[in-house]
C-alpha atoms as a PDB file:
ATOM      1  CA  UNK A   1      13.716  -9.748  22.909  1.00  0.00           C
ATOM      2  CA  UNK A   2      10.741 -10.044  25.298  1.00  0.00           C
ATOM      3  CA  UNK A   3       7.408  -8.399  24.473  1.00  0.00           C
ATOM      4  CA  UNK A   4       6.867  -5.202  26.201  1.00  0.00           C
ATOM      5  CA  UNK A   5       3.352  -4.001  26.395  1.00  0.00           C
ATOM      6  CA  UNK A   6       2.610  -0.483  25.194  1.00  0.00           C
ATOM      7  CA  UNK A   7       1.265   0.759  28.722  1.00  0.00           C
ATOM      8  CA  UNK A   8       3.291  -1.608  30.863  1.00  0.00           C
ATOM      9  CA  UNK A   9       5.914  -0.533  33.348  1.00  0.00           C
ATOM     10  CA  UNK A  10       9.272  -2.095  33.166  1.00  0.00           C
ATOM     11  CA  UNK A  11      11.754  -3.470  35.782  1.00  0.00           C
ATOM     12  CA  UNK A  12      14.170  -0.876  34.580  1.00  0.00           C
ATOM     13  CA  UNK A  13      11.813   1.923  35.372  1.00  0.00           C
ATOM     14  CA  UNK A  14      12.851   1.399  38.969  1.00  0.00           C
ATOM     15  CA  UNK A  15      16.139   2.842  38.197  1.00  0.00           C
ATOM     16  CA  UNK A  16      16.439   6.609  39.108  1.00  0.00           C
ATOM     17  CA  UNK A  17      17.463   8.056  35.701  1.00  0.00           C
ATOM     18  CA  UNK A  18      15.652   7.803  32.272  1.00  0.00           C
ATOM     19  CA  UNK A  19      17.993   5.863  29.927  1.00  0.00           C
ATOM     20  CA  UNK A  20      19.569   8.258  27.743  1.00  0.00           C
ATOM     21  CA  UNK A  21      20.459   8.032  24.173  1.00  0.00           C
ATOM     22  CA  UNK A  22      24.100   8.699  23.324  1.00  0.00           C
ATOM     23  CA  UNK A  23      23.595  11.098  20.502  1.00  0.00           C
ATOM     24  CA  UNK A  24      22.065  14.682  20.373  1.00  0.00           C
ATOM     25  CA  UNK A  25      20.976  16.310  17.087  1.00  0.00           C
ATOM     26  CA  UNK A  26      21.240  19.608  18.590  1.00  0.00           C
ATOM     27  CA  UNK A  27      24.824  18.890  19.142  1.00  0.00           C
ATOM     28  CA  UNK A  28      25.249  17.833  15.345  1.00  0.00           C
ATOM     29  CA  UNK A  29      23.024  20.544  13.832  1.00  0.00           C
ATOM     30  CA  UNK A  30      25.933  21.637  11.233  1.00  0.00           C
ATOM     31  CA  UNK A  31      26.577  17.965  10.213  1.00  0.00           C
ATOM     32  CA  UNK A  32      22.732  17.226   9.876  1.00  0.00           C
ATOM     33  CA  UNK A  33      22.150  20.449   7.810  1.00  0.00           C
ATOM     34  CA  UNK A  34      25.234  19.854   5.501  1.00  0.00           C
ATOM     35  CA  UNK A  35      24.073  16.206   4.727  1.00  0.00           C
ATOM     36  CA  UNK A  36      20.510  16.816   4.036  1.00  0.00           C
ATOM     37  CA  UNK A  37      21.351  19.971   1.901  1.00  0.00           C
ATOM     38  CA  UNK A  38      23.394  17.739  -0.393  1.00  0.00           C
ATOM     39  CA  UNK A  39      20.461  15.047  -0.402  1.00  0.00           C
ATOM     40  CA  UNK A  40      17.762  17.705  -1.320  1.00  0.00           C
ATOM     41  CA  UNK A  41      19.939  19.405  -3.663  1.00  0.00           C
ATOM     42  CA  UNK A  42      20.680  16.176  -5.548  1.00  0.00           C
ATOM     43  CA  UNK A  43      17.249  14.712  -5.191  1.00  0.00           C
ATOM     44  CA  UNK A  44      14.951  17.695  -5.771  1.00  0.00           C
ATOM     45  CA  UNK A  45      16.722  21.037  -6.847  1.00  0.00           C
ATOM     46  CA  UNK A  46      19.048  19.561  -9.438  1.00  0.00           C
ATOM     47  CA  UNK A  47      16.671  17.385 -11.251  1.00  0.00           C
ATOM     48  CA  UNK A  48      14.236  20.133 -11.599  1.00  0.00           C
ATOM     49  CA  UNK A  49      16.824  22.773 -12.630  1.00  0.00           C
ATOM     50  CA  UNK A  50      18.402  20.566 -15.047  1.00  0.00           C
ATOM     51  CA  UNK A  51      15.122  19.482 -16.618  1.00  0.00           C
ATOM     52  CA  UNK A  52      13.722  22.934 -17.271  1.00  0.00           C
ATOM     53  CA  UNK A  53      17.060  24.459 -18.168  1.00  0.00           C
ATOM     54  CA  UNK A  54      17.975  21.988 -20.604  1.00  0.00           C
ATOM     55  CA  UNK A  55      14.123  21.521 -21.803  1.00  0.00           C
ATOM     56  CA  UNK A  56      13.687  25.207 -22.505  1.00  0.00           C
ATOM     57  CA  UNK A  57      17.356  26.688 -22.747  1.00  0.00           C
ATOM     58  CA  UNK A  58      18.968  24.088 -25.217  1.00  0.00           C
ATOM     59  CA  UNK A  59      18.417  22.444 -28.514  1.00  0.00           C
ATOM     60  CA  UNK A  60      19.016  18.860 -27.032  1.00  0.00           C
ATOM     61  CA  UNK A  61      16.439  16.192 -28.012  1.00  0.00           C
ATOM     62  CA  UNK A  62      13.733  15.136 -25.490  1.00  0.00           C
ATOM     63  CA  UNK A  63      15.704  11.867 -25.058  1.00  0.00           C
ATOM     64  CA  UNK A  64      19.031  13.360 -24.102  1.00  0.00           C
ATOM     65  CA  UNK A  65      17.479  15.828 -21.761  1.00  0.00           C
ATOM     66  CA  UNK A  66      15.883  12.722 -19.877  1.00  0.00           C
ATOM     67  CA  UNK A  67      18.929  10.944 -20.131  1.00  0.00           C
ATOM     68  CA  UNK A  68      20.800  13.420 -18.295  1.00  0.00           C
ATOM     69  CA  UNK A  69      18.456  14.148 -15.695  1.00  0.00           C
ATOM     70  CA  UNK A  70      18.377  10.282 -15.117  1.00  0.00           C
ATOM     71  CA  UNK A  71      22.017   9.957 -14.862  1.00  0.00           C
ATOM     72  CA  UNK A  72      22.261  12.771 -12.322  1.00  0.00           C
ATOM     73  CA  UNK A  73      19.178  12.163  -9.984  1.00  0.00           C
ATOM     74  CA  UNK A  74      19.872  10.435  -6.569  1.00  0.00           C
ATOM     75  CA  UNK A  75      23.758  10.216  -6.912  1.00  0.00           C
ATOM     76  CA  UNK A  76      23.971  11.464  -3.427  1.00  0.00           C
ATOM     77  CA  UNK A  77      21.574   8.907  -2.097  1.00  0.00           C
ATOM     78  CA  UNK A  78      23.519   6.153  -4.065  1.00  0.00           C
ATOM     79  CA  UNK A  79      26.600   7.342  -2.598  1.00  0.00           C
ATOM     80  CA  UNK A  80      25.196   7.234   0.810  1.00  0.00           C
ATOM     81  CA  UNK A  81      23.974   3.764   0.330  1.00  0.00           C
ATOM     82  CA  UNK A  82      27.389   2.480  -0.875  1.00  0.00           C
ATOM     83  CA  UNK A  83      28.947   4.020   2.401  1.00  0.00           C
ATOM     84  CA  UNK A  84      26.515   2.364   4.599  1.00  0.00           C
ATOM     85  CA  UNK A  85      26.956  -0.953   2.810  1.00  0.00           C
ATOM     86  CA  UNK A  86      30.731  -0.912   3.254  1.00  0.00           C
ATOM     87  CA  UNK A  87      30.110  -0.054   7.065  1.00  0.00           C
ATOM     88  CA  UNK A  88      27.584  -3.021   7.455  1.00  0.00           C
ATOM     89  CA  UNK A  89      29.958  -5.373   5.849  1.00  0.00           C
ATOM     90  CA  UNK A  90      33.095  -4.774   7.880  1.00  0.00           C
ATOM     91  CA  UNK A  91      34.472  -7.527   9.942  1.00  0.00           C
ATOM     92  CA  UNK A  92      34.018  -5.290  13.064  1.00  0.00           C
ATOM     93  CA  UNK A  93      30.481  -5.533  14.134  1.00  0.00           C
ATOM     94  CA  UNK A  94      30.352  -1.985  15.303  1.00  0.00           C
ATOM     95  CA  UNK A  95      27.520  -1.030  12.976  1.00  0.00           C
ATOM     96  CA  UNK A  96      25.787  -4.303  12.398  1.00  0.00           C
ATOM     97  CA  UNK A  97      22.321  -5.068  14.119  1.00  0.00           C
ATOM     98  CA  UNK A  98      22.396  -6.335  17.668  1.00  0.00           C
ATOM     99  CA  UNK A  99      22.853 -10.309  17.569  1.00  0.00           C
ATOM    100  CA  UNK A 100      23.306 -10.460  13.788  1.00  0.00           C
ATOM    101  CA  UNK A 101      26.258 -12.237  12.017  1.00  0.00           C
ATOM    102  CA  UNK A 102      28.614 -10.630   9.333  1.00  0.00           C
ATOM    103  CA  UNK A 103      26.948 -10.212   6.135  1.00  0.00           C
ATOM    104  CA  UNK A 104      23.368  -9.282   7.758  1.00  0.00           C
ATOM    105  CA  UNK A 105      22.070  -5.959   6.464  1.00  0.00           C
ATOM    106  CA  UNK A 106      19.865  -3.595   8.364  1.00  0.00           C
ATOM    107  CA  UNK A 107      16.247  -2.750   7.701  1.00  0.00           C
ATOM    108  CA  UNK A 108      17.247   0.832   6.335  1.00  0.00           C
ATOM    109  CA  UNK A 109      19.713  -0.567   3.959  1.00  0.00           C
ATOM    110  CA  UNK A 110      17.524  -3.053   2.377  1.00  0.00           C
ATOM    111  CA  UNK A 111      14.793  -0.351   2.081  1.00  0.00           C
ATOM    112  CA  UNK A 112      17.473   1.971   0.505  1.00  0.00           C
ATOM    113  CA  UNK A 113      18.557  -0.587  -2.037  1.00  0.00           C
ATOM    114  CA  UNK A 114      14.958  -1.424  -3.090  1.00  0.00           C
ATOM    115  CA  UNK A 115      14.104   2.363  -3.320  1.00  0.00           C
ATOM    116  CA  UNK A 116      17.180   2.819  -5.555  1.00  0.00           C
ATOM    117  CA  UNK A 117      16.114  -0.100  -7.697  1.00  0.00           C
ATOM    118  CA  UNK A 118      12.486   1.268  -8.037  1.00  0.00           C
ATOM    119  CA  UNK A 119      13.910   4.768  -9.085  1.00  0.00           C
ATOM    120  CA  UNK A 120      16.348   3.479 -11.494  1.00  0.00           C
ATOM    121  CA  UNK A 121      13.908   1.398 -13.143  1.00  0.00           C
ATOM    122  CA  UNK A 122      11.397   4.189 -13.583  1.00  0.00           C
ATOM    123  CA  UNK A 123      13.843   6.612 -14.665  1.00  0.00           C
ATOM    124  CA  UNK A 124      15.497   3.996 -17.254  1.00  0.00           C
ATOM    125  CA  UNK A 125      12.029   3.241 -18.815  1.00  0.00           C
ATOM    126  CA  UNK A 126      11.280   6.931 -19.114  1.00  0.00           C
ATOM    127  CA  UNK A 127      14.202   7.288 -21.278  1.00  0.00           C
ATOM    128  CA  UNK A 128      14.005   4.227 -23.561  1.00  0.00           C
ATOM    129  CA  UNK A 129      10.353   4.673 -24.423  1.00  0.00           C
ATOM    130  CA  UNK A 130       9.374   6.047 -27.781  1.00  0.00           C
ATOM    131  CA  UNK A 131       8.664   8.883 -27.371  1.00  0.00           C
ATOM    132  CA  UNK A 132      10.421   9.328 -24.002  1.00  0.00           C
ATOM    133  CA  UNK A 133       8.035   9.619 -21.084  1.00  0.00           C
ATOM    134  CA  UNK A 134       7.981  12.833 -19.019  1.00  0.00           C
ATOM    135  CA  UNK A 135       5.065  11.144 -16.788  1.00  0.00           C
ATOM    136  CA  UNK A 136       7.344   8.374 -15.743  1.00  0.00           C
ATOM    137  CA  UNK A 137      10.153  10.843 -15.198  1.00  0.00           C
ATOM    138  CA  UNK A 138       8.009  12.478 -12.861  1.00  0.00           C
ATOM    139  CA  UNK A 139       6.811   9.743 -10.419  1.00  0.00           C
ATOM    140  CA  UNK A 140       9.755   8.161  -8.684  1.00  0.00           C
ATOM    141  CA  UNK A 141       9.398  10.153  -5.537  1.00  0.00           C
ATOM    142  CA  UNK A 142       5.510   9.864  -5.216  1.00  0.00           C
ATOM    143  CA  UNK A 143       5.904   6.099  -5.736  1.00  0.00           C
ATOM    144  CA  UNK A 144       8.510   5.888  -3.153  1.00  0.00           C
ATOM    145  CA  UNK A 145       6.373   7.985  -0.631  1.00  0.00           C
ATOM    146  CA  UNK A 146       3.331   5.818  -1.114  1.00  0.00           C
ATOM    147  CA  UNK A 147       5.454   2.363  -0.908  1.00  0.00           C
ATOM    148  CA  UNK A 148       7.340   3.600   2.337  1.00  0.00           C
ATOM    149  CA  UNK A 149       4.157   4.957   3.890  1.00  0.00           C
ATOM    150  CA  UNK A 150       2.303   1.657   3.368  1.00  0.00           C
ATOM    151  CA  UNK A 151       5.231  -0.091   4.994  1.00  0.00           C
ATOM    152  CA  UNK A 152       4.775   2.021   8.130  1.00  0.00           C
ATOM    153  CA  UNK A 153       1.173   1.108   8.225  1.00  0.00           C
ATOM    154  CA  UNK A 154       1.578  -2.634   7.487  1.00  0.00           C
ATOM    155  CA  UNK A 155       4.228  -2.916  10.360  1.00  0.00           C
ATOM    156  CA  UNK A 156       1.352  -2.671  12.744  1.00  0.00           C
ATOM    157  CA  UNK A 157      -0.419  -5.808  11.250  1.00  0.00           C
ATOM    158  CA  UNK A 158       1.714  -8.807  12.460  1.00  0.00           C
ATOM    159  CA  UNK A 159       2.146  -9.350  16.265  1.00  0.00           C
ATOM    160  CA  UNK A 160       5.572 -10.846  15.625  1.00  0.00           C
ATOM    161  CA  UNK A 161       8.227 -10.395  13.110  1.00  0.00           C
ATOM    162  CA  UNK A 162       8.317 -13.090  10.576  1.00  0.00           C
ATOM    163  CA  UNK A 163      11.983 -12.382   9.831  1.00  0.00           C
ATOM    164  CA  UNK A 164      14.775 -10.559  11.329  1.00  0.00           C
ATOM    165  CA  UNK A 165      14.252  -6.805  10.983  1.00  0.00           C
ATOM    166  CA  UNK A 166      17.394  -4.938  12.009  1.00  0.00           C
ATOM    167  CA  UNK A 167      18.138  -5.950  15.678  1.00  0.00           C
ATOM    168  CA  UNK A 168      14.729  -7.570  16.087  1.00  0.00           C
ATOM    169  CA  UNK A 169      14.984 -11.294  15.694  1.00  0.00           C
ATOM    170  CA  UNK A 170      12.604 -13.272  13.676  1.00  0.00           C
ATOM    171  CA  UNK A 171       9.568 -14.385  16.094  1.00  0.00           C
ATOM    172  CA  UNK A 172      10.025 -11.346  18.299  1.00  0.00           C
ATOM    173  CA  UNK A 173       7.214  -8.788  19.028  1.00  0.00           C
ATOM    174  CA  UNK A 174       7.092  -6.283  16.176  1.00  0.00           C
ATOM    175  CA  UNK A 175       8.300  -2.714  16.810  1.00  0.00           C
ATOM    176  CA  UNK A 176       7.284   0.408  15.190  1.00  0.00           C
ATOM    177  CA  UNK A 177       9.026   0.686  11.591  1.00  0.00           C
ATOM    178  CA  UNK A 178      10.034   4.255  12.812  1.00  0.00           C
ATOM    179  CA  UNK A 179      11.914   2.659  15.581  1.00  0.00           C
ATOM    180  CA  UNK A 180      13.878   0.510  13.099  1.00  0.00           C
ATOM    181  CA  UNK A 181      14.687   3.508  10.965  1.00  0.00           C
ATOM    182  CA  UNK A 182      15.945   5.589  13.862  1.00  0.00           C
ATOM    183  CA  UNK A 183      18.076   2.797  15.013  1.00  0.00           C
ATOM    184  CA  UNK A 184      19.827   2.100  11.766  1.00  0.00           C
ATOM    185  CA  UNK A 185      20.119   5.685  10.625  1.00  0.00           C
ATOM    186  CA  UNK A 186      21.535   6.864  13.954  1.00  0.00           C
ATOM    187  CA  UNK A 187      23.772   3.669  14.395  1.00  0.00           C
ATOM    188  CA  UNK A 188      25.186   3.668  10.835  1.00  0.00           C
ATOM    189  CA  UNK A 189      24.911   6.862   9.131  1.00  0.00           C
ATOM    190  CA  UNK A 190      25.407   8.966  12.419  1.00  0.00           C
ATOM    191  CA  UNK A 191      28.084   6.427  13.503  1.00  0.00           C
ATOM    192  CA  UNK A 192      26.421   5.907  16.796  1.00  0.00           C
ATOM    193  CA  UNK A 193      27.246   2.001  16.540  1.00  0.00           C
ATOM    194  CA  UNK A 194      26.287  -0.765  18.688  1.00  0.00           C
ATOM    195  CA  UNK A 195      26.084   1.764  21.778  1.00  0.00           C
ATOM    196  CA  UNK A 196      23.201   3.683  20.076  1.00  0.00           C
ATOM    197  CA  UNK A 197      21.374   0.416  19.118  1.00  0.00           C
ATOM    198  CA  UNK A 198      21.581  -0.942  22.759  1.00  0.00           C
ATOM    199  CA  UNK A 199      20.559   2.441  24.193  1.00  0.00           C
ATOM    200  CA  UNK A 200      17.386   2.663  22.089  1.00  0.00           C
ATOM    201  CA  UNK A 201      16.519  -0.717  23.069  1.00  0.00           C
ATOM    202  CA  UNK A 202      16.903   0.059  26.685  1.00  0.00           C
ATOM    203  CA  UNK A 203      14.914   3.272  26.272  1.00  0.00           C
ATOM    204  CA  UNK A 204      12.270   1.580  24.352  1.00  0.00           C
ATOM    205  CA  UNK A 205      11.679  -1.198  27.005  1.00  0.00           C
ATOM    206  CA  UNK A 206      11.770   1.338  29.757  1.00  0.00           C
ATOM    207  CA  UNK A 207       9.519   4.092  28.740  1.00  0.00           C
ATOM    208  CA  UNK A 208       5.773   3.551  27.685  1.00  0.00           C
ATOM    209  CA  UNK A 209       5.595   7.252  26.702  1.00  0.00           C
ATOM    210  CA  UNK A 210       8.522   6.641  24.481  1.00  0.00           C
ATOM    211  CA  UNK A 211       6.873   3.556  22.994  1.00  0.00           C
ATOM    212  CA  UNK A 212       3.529   5.251  22.220  1.00  0.00           C
ATOM    213  CA  UNK A 213       5.202   8.184  20.747  1.00  0.00           C
ATOM    214  CA  UNK A 214       7.054   5.803  18.002  1.00  0.00           C
ATOM    215  CA  UNK A 215       3.651   4.120  17.328  1.00  0.00           C
ATOM    216  CA  UNK A 216       2.017   7.222  16.715  1.00  0.00           C
ATOM    217  CA  UNK A 217       4.675   8.488  14.485  1.00  0.00           C
ATOM    218  CA  UNK A 218       4.171   5.352  12.479  1.00  0.00           C
ATOM    219  CA  UNK A 219       0.702   6.440  12.067  1.00  0.00           C
ATOM    220  CA  UNK A 220       1.307   9.978  11.230  1.00  0.00           C
ATOM    221  CA  UNK A 221       3.955   9.495   8.563  1.00  0.00           C
ATOM    222  CA  UNK A 222       2.097   6.409   7.373  1.00  0.00           C
ATOM    223  CA  UNK A 223      -1.263   7.926   6.715  1.00  0.00           C
ATOM    224  CA  UNK A 224      -0.097  11.243   5.580  1.00  0.00           C
ATOM    225  CA  UNK A 225       2.361   9.722   3.010  1.00  0.00           C
ATOM    226  CA  UNK A 226      -0.320   7.327   1.570  1.00  0.00           C
ATOM    227  CA  UNK A 227      -2.626  10.306   1.044  1.00  0.00           C
ATOM    228  CA  UNK A 228       0.103  12.397  -0.346  1.00  0.00           C
ATOM    229  CA  UNK A 229       1.723   9.713  -2.622  1.00  0.00           C
ATOM    230  CA  UNK A 230      -1.826   8.626  -3.948  1.00  0.00           C
ATOM    231  CA  UNK A 231      -2.957  12.107  -4.658  1.00  0.00           C
ATOM    232  CA  UNK A 232       0.413  12.970  -6.285  1.00  0.00           C
ATOM    233  CA  UNK A 233       0.286  10.030  -8.489  1.00  0.00           C
ATOM    234  CA  UNK A 234      -3.315  10.585  -9.510  1.00  0.00           C
ATOM    235  CA  UNK A 235      -2.484  14.176 -10.441  1.00  0.00           C
ATOM    236  CA  UNK A 236       0.750  13.318 -12.349  1.00  0.00           C
ATOM    237  CA  UNK A 237      -0.797  10.154 -14.144  1.00  0.00           C
ATOM    238  CA  UNK A 238      -4.518  11.321 -14.459  1.00  0.00           C
ATOM    239  CA  UNK A 239      -4.354  14.975 -15.504  1.00  0.00           C
ATOM    240  CA  UNK A 240      -3.753  15.533 -19.108  1.00  0.00           C
ATOM    241  CA  UNK A 241      -4.094  19.158 -19.683  1.00  0.00           C
ATOM    242  CA  UNK A 242      -2.598  21.239 -22.571  1.00  0.00           C
ATOM    243  CA  UNK A 243       1.131  21.732 -23.535  1.00  0.00           C
ATOM    244  CA  UNK A 244       3.847  19.328 -23.095  1.00  0.00           C
ATOM    245  CA  UNK A 245       3.216  18.391 -19.631  1.00  0.00           C
ATOM    246  CA  UNK A 246       6.499  19.600 -18.292  1.00  0.00           C
ATOM    247  CA  UNK A 247       4.653  20.686 -15.175  1.00  0.00           C
ATOM    248  CA  UNK A 248       4.762  17.179 -14.085  1.00  0.00           C
ATOM    249  CA  UNK A 249       8.392  17.252 -13.302  1.00  0.00           C
ATOM    250  CA  UNK A 250       8.160  20.291 -10.921  1.00  0.00           C
ATOM    251  CA  UNK A 251       5.175  18.745  -9.001  1.00  0.00           C
ATOM    252  CA  UNK A 252       6.731  15.067  -9.032  1.00  0.00           C
ATOM    253  CA  UNK A 253      10.301  16.083  -7.826  1.00  0.00           C
ATOM    254  CA  UNK A 254       9.270  19.226  -5.759  1.00  0.00           C
ATOM    255  CA  UNK A 255       6.030  18.660  -3.936  1.00  0.00           C
ATOM    256  CA  UNK A 256       7.237  15.613  -2.185  1.00  0.00           C
ATOM    257  CA  UNK A 257      10.135  17.324  -0.432  1.00  0.00           C
ATOM    258  CA  UNK A 258       7.921  20.356   0.342  1.00  0.00           C
ATOM    259  CA  UNK A 259       5.358  18.345   1.973  1.00  0.00           C
ATOM    260  CA  UNK A 260       8.061  16.308   3.979  1.00  0.00           C
ATOM    261  CA  UNK A 261       9.576  19.385   5.198  1.00  0.00           C
ATOM    262  CA  UNK A 262       6.463  20.677   6.697  1.00  0.00           C
ATOM    263  CA  UNK A 263       5.871  17.069   8.275  1.00  0.00           C
ATOM    264  CA  UNK A 264       9.198  17.042   9.546  1.00  0.00           C
ATOM    265  CA  UNK A 265       8.818  20.549  11.081  1.00  0.00           C
ATOM    266  CA  UNK A 266       5.565  19.414  12.809  1.00  0.00           C
ATOM    267  CA  UNK A 267       7.172  16.128  13.979  1.00  0.00           C
ATOM    268  CA  UNK A 268      10.110  18.098  15.688  1.00  0.00           C
ATOM    269  CA  UNK A 269       7.805  20.112  17.583  1.00  0.00           C
ATOM    270  CA  UNK A 270       5.575  17.442  18.581  1.00  0.00           C
ATOM    271  CA  UNK A 271       8.551  14.977  19.638  1.00  0.00           C
ATOM    272  CA  UNK A 272      10.133  17.584  21.779  1.00  0.00           C
ATOM    273  CA  UNK A 273       6.954  18.044  23.705  1.00  0.00           C
ATOM    274  CA  UNK A 274       6.481  14.286  24.000  1.00  0.00           C
ATOM    275  CA  UNK A 275       9.974  13.751  25.325  1.00  0.00           C
ATOM    276  CA  UNK A 276       9.621  16.552  27.757  1.00  0.00           C
ATOM    277  CA  UNK A 277       6.247  14.777  29.140  1.00  0.00           C
ATOM    278  CA  UNK A 278       8.231  11.776  29.236  1.00  0.00           C
ATOM    279  CA  UNK A 279      10.906  13.095  31.385  1.00  0.00           C
ATOM    280  CA  UNK A 280       8.391  14.693  33.551  1.00  0.00           C
ATOM    281  CA  UNK A 281       6.502  11.307  33.974  1.00  0.00           C
ATOM    282  CA  UNK A 282       9.710   9.581  34.777  1.00  0.00           C
ATOM    283  CA  UNK A 283      10.595  12.027  37.613  1.00  0.00           C
ATOM    284  CA  UNK A 284       7.101  11.824  39.020  1.00  0.00           C
ATOM    285  CA  UNK A 285       7.376   7.954  39.074  1.00  0.00           C
ATOM    286  CA  UNK A 286      10.824   7.995  40.787  1.00  0.00           C
ATOM    287  CA  UNK A 287       9.468  10.492  43.330  1.00  0.00           C
ATOM    288  CA  UNK A 288       6.369   8.282  43.951  1.00  0.00           C
ATOM    289  CA  UNK A 289       8.476   5.354  44.513  1.00  0.00           C
ATOM    290  CA  UNK A 290      10.985   6.875  46.786  1.00  0.00           C
ATOM    291  CA  UNK A 291       8.060   8.308  49.272  1.00  0.00           C
END
């Protein structure tokens, strides 16, 4: 892929219409709501409810309580990862990254598999320790927030990708990590397929406003996530306090989701404004070229 300067115009900008993306979230509100409800319930509400319900409402040992929480946490995410993997490994190239051969996984799939491994390791160790560790049980989400956010920031460092990242071949100019996440989620999870990957690439090349928006989203989520992850880990690992420390579970499994929801709300509002400005700038540019 050719390098596209952040503020440069592109030959495709001489077309009259702004390249569109073949998927509208507003047209799939119900499906998106159901999917996120399942994920949040399984990765936030269920672990917290199970832990406190069993810890204070049963006679089970600490080890068994932690083992039950460990066995149920993240089941929805694991199922989603398996479905994604099955789609990517199909003989049909519909869901694979552009220009990749069979067997290549996209950026989001690799990231998901690493995240699952990190969470599984922390939860397993928390259960087998003597005594079982509530602290380790409480830090998986904060750890993922910190690692994922650092990844967003570090994506700005190399000018060219050292390896293939989704549809971006090795040696090509880097693109925002947010770009790769959007591409992979919409192409595979939302079943947009190759058509969405191609449309997103065309939009990125054509619109300077769109490129700036994605780079700024990298910084917004990257810097914000590093602060949130570091503070939460500092609180959970550093504060001792009185009692049995069960407060850590509520903080560790609840706060990251609450802050993410607030960040997502702000992101949606800002992105809508940016896309409106992008459309207005595009129309003005077309009118100026036709005068």
